[in-house]
Every structure is written in structure tokens, then in C-alpha cells.
Amino acid sequence: MKIKTNDKVIVTAGKDKGKKGKVIKVISEKNRVVVEGVNFIKKHIKAKRQGEKGQKITVPVSINISNISLICPKCNKQTKVGYLVLENGEKHRICKKCKQDIAIQVKK
């Protein structure tokens, strides 16, 4: 898969078209991703005991990977992902527009 966790992406289709966010989770078996701040649904929770109230909570739901596009961290443009294979066999993701290496920026 070309999209990884912690990548910054933009939604290209659907009800949240144009929104940007960070990838929280990648579900590679189903070709879906969960993006921060995008595609919420309301979930109703039933009261467990008498006297308690039920709740409505908003939950992020996955969207198809074809409906998002990567934002290059170097040029800040919507781009496609390419691969550069080095002589030692390592594969690096590169931006197709600026030809720079896309490194995953993990916050610690």
C-alpha cells in the first residue's frame, strides 16, 4: 500500500471532499483508511442500568483508499506516490511532483 500511518492526506471524493487530515489506521485487507477529522457517524449507546441515560457519540469510520490522495511533506502539494529502488534492494517512497523522498514523520 502506498499510504502509511501518520501520512498527511486530502479527501478527493465523497461528503468530506477537500478536507485534510492525518491517517490514523490503515486496513490493507479492505483497501480502507481511517483519517483524523473525516467521515464521522453518530453511534447510539444504550443505557446499561436503570436511571442512566443513553448517549450519542461520534465515531470516525474508514473510507476507501481511492478517495484520498497524499500530500507531500516537502512541496505541500497533492501528489501520487512513486517508488525508488536502491541498489541494495531498499524501496523508498517518492513524490511524483518534486521527486523528493517521503519520510514518515513520527511524533514521539
Protein backbone atom coordinates (compact mmCIF):
# COMPACT_ATOMS: atom_id res chain seq x y z
CA MET A 1 0.00 0.00 0.00
CA LYS A 2 1.27 3.46 -0.86
CA ILE A 3 -0.41 5.25 2.05
CA LYS A 4 1.01 4.64 5.52
CA THR A 5 0.01 5.57 9.07
CA ASN A 6 0.81 9.22 10.03
CA ASP A 7 0.77 10.39 6.38
CA LYS A 8 -0.99 13.70 5.71
CA VAL A 9 -3.76 13.22 3.12
CA ILE A 10 -6.58 15.11 1.42
CA VAL A 11 -10.01 13.66 0.63
CA THR A 12 -10.68 13.77 -3.13
CA ALA A 13 -14.23 12.35 -3.25
CA GLY A 14 -17.29 11.97 -1.04
CA LYS A 15 -19.09 14.10 1.51
CA ASP A 16 -15.82 15.33 3.08
CA LYS A 17 -14.14 16.30 -0.21
CA GLY A 18 -11.35 18.85 0.30
CA LYS A 19 -10.73 18.08 3.98
CA LYS A 20 -7.20 17.33 5.13
CA GLY A 21 -6.10 15.04 7.92
CA LYS A 22 -3.62 12.52 9.21
CA VAL A 23 -4.03 8.78 8.64
CA ILE A 24 -4.81 7.08 11.95
CA LYS A 25 -5.22 3.48 10.79
CA VAL A 26 -4.69 1.54 7.56
CA ILE A 27 -6.83 -1.54 6.82
CA SER A 28 -4.91 -3.10 3.94
CA GLU A 29 -7.13 -6.19 3.53
CA LYS A 30 -10.11 -3.99 2.63
CA ASN A 31 -8.18 -1.09 0.98
CA ARG A 32 -9.53 1.38 3.53
CA VAL A 33 -8.07 4.00 5.86
CA VAL A 34 -9.28 5.96 8.89
CA VAL A 35 -8.42 9.66 8.62
CA GLU A 36 -8.40 12.08 11.55
CA GLY A 37 -11.31 14.55 11.42
CA VAL A 38 -13.01 12.95 8.40
CA ASN A 39 -16.10 10.74 7.86
CA PHE A 40 -17.85 10.66 11.24
CA ILE A 41 -21.04 8.78 12.10
CA LYS A 42 -23.26 9.07 15.17
CA LYS A 43 -23.43 5.94 17.27
CA HIS A 44 -26.18 5.43 19.86
CA ILE A 45 -25.25 3.77 23.15
CA LYS A 46 -27.99 2.21 25.21
CA ALA A 47 -28.18 2.86 28.96
CA LYS A 48 -26.65 -0.03 30.93
CA ARG A 49 -28.61 0.45 34.18
CA GLN A 50 -31.92 1.95 35.07
CA GLY A 51 -31.56 5.66 35.78
CA GLU A 52 -28.62 6.15 33.41
CA LYS A 53 -29.04 7.97 30.15
CA GLY A 54 -28.18 6.71 26.72
CA GLN A 55 -25.61 8.61 24.69
CA LYS A 56 -24.89 9.64 21.13
CA ILE A 57 -21.18 9.60 20.29
CA THR A 58 -19.39 10.44 17.06
CA VAL A 59 -17.04 7.78 15.72
CA PRO A 60 -14.62 8.09 12.76
CA VAL A 61 -15.27 5.48 10.07
CA SER A 62 -12.92 4.21 7.39
CA ILE A 63 -13.03 5.46 3.79
CA ASN A 64 -11.80 3.82 0.62
CA ILE A 65 -8.16 4.47 -0.22
CA SER A 66 -9.12 5.52 -3.76
CA ASN A 67 -10.91 8.57 -2.28
CA ILE A 68 -7.78 10.09 -0.72
CA SER A 69 -4.53 11.49 -2.03
CA LEU A 70 -1.19 12.00 -0.31
CA ILE A 71 0.11 15.50 0.48
CA CYS A 72 3.87 15.70 0.02
CA PRO A 73 5.59 16.95 3.21
CA LYS A 74 8.26 18.76 1.15
CA CYS A 75 6.25 20.64 -1.52
CA ASN A 76 2.83 20.59 0.29
CA LYS A 77 1.01 19.55 -2.91
CA GLN A 78 -1.44 16.76 -3.60
CA THR A 79 0.61 14.06 -5.31
CA LYS A 80 0.89 10.46 -6.38
CA VAL A 81 3.39 8.12 -4.76
CA GLY A 82 6.22 6.52 -6.68
CA TYR A 83 8.95 4.16 -5.61
CA LEU A 84 12.73 4.40 -5.93
CA VAL A 85 14.55 1.08 -5.60
CA LEU A 86 18.16 1.41 -4.48
CA GLU A 87 20.97 -0.95 -5.45
CA ASN A 88 20.85 -2.70 -2.08
CA GLY A 89 17.15 -3.51 -2.61
CA GLU A 90 15.61 -0.84 -0.35
CA LYS A 91 12.41 0.77 -1.59
CA HIS A 92 11.78 4.46 -0.85
CA ARG A 93 8.52 6.29 -1.47
CA ILE A 94 8.97 9.44 -3.53
CA CYS A 95 6.73 12.35 -4.55
CA LYS A 96 5.94 12.26 -8.27
CA LYS A 97 5.92 16.09 -8.46
CA CYS A 98 9.09 17.16 -6.63
CA LYS A 99 10.94 13.78 -6.75
CA GLN A 100 11.81 14.05 -3.03
CA ASP A 101 11.81 11.16 -0.56
CA ILE A 102 8.63 10.88 1.53
CA ALA A 103 9.71 10.07 5.07
CA ILE A 104 7.17 9.12 7.69
CA GLN A 105 7.31 11.73 10.42
CA VAL A 106 6.52 10.02 13.71
CA LYS A 107 5.81 12.25 16.72
CA LYS A 108 7.33 10.99 19.97
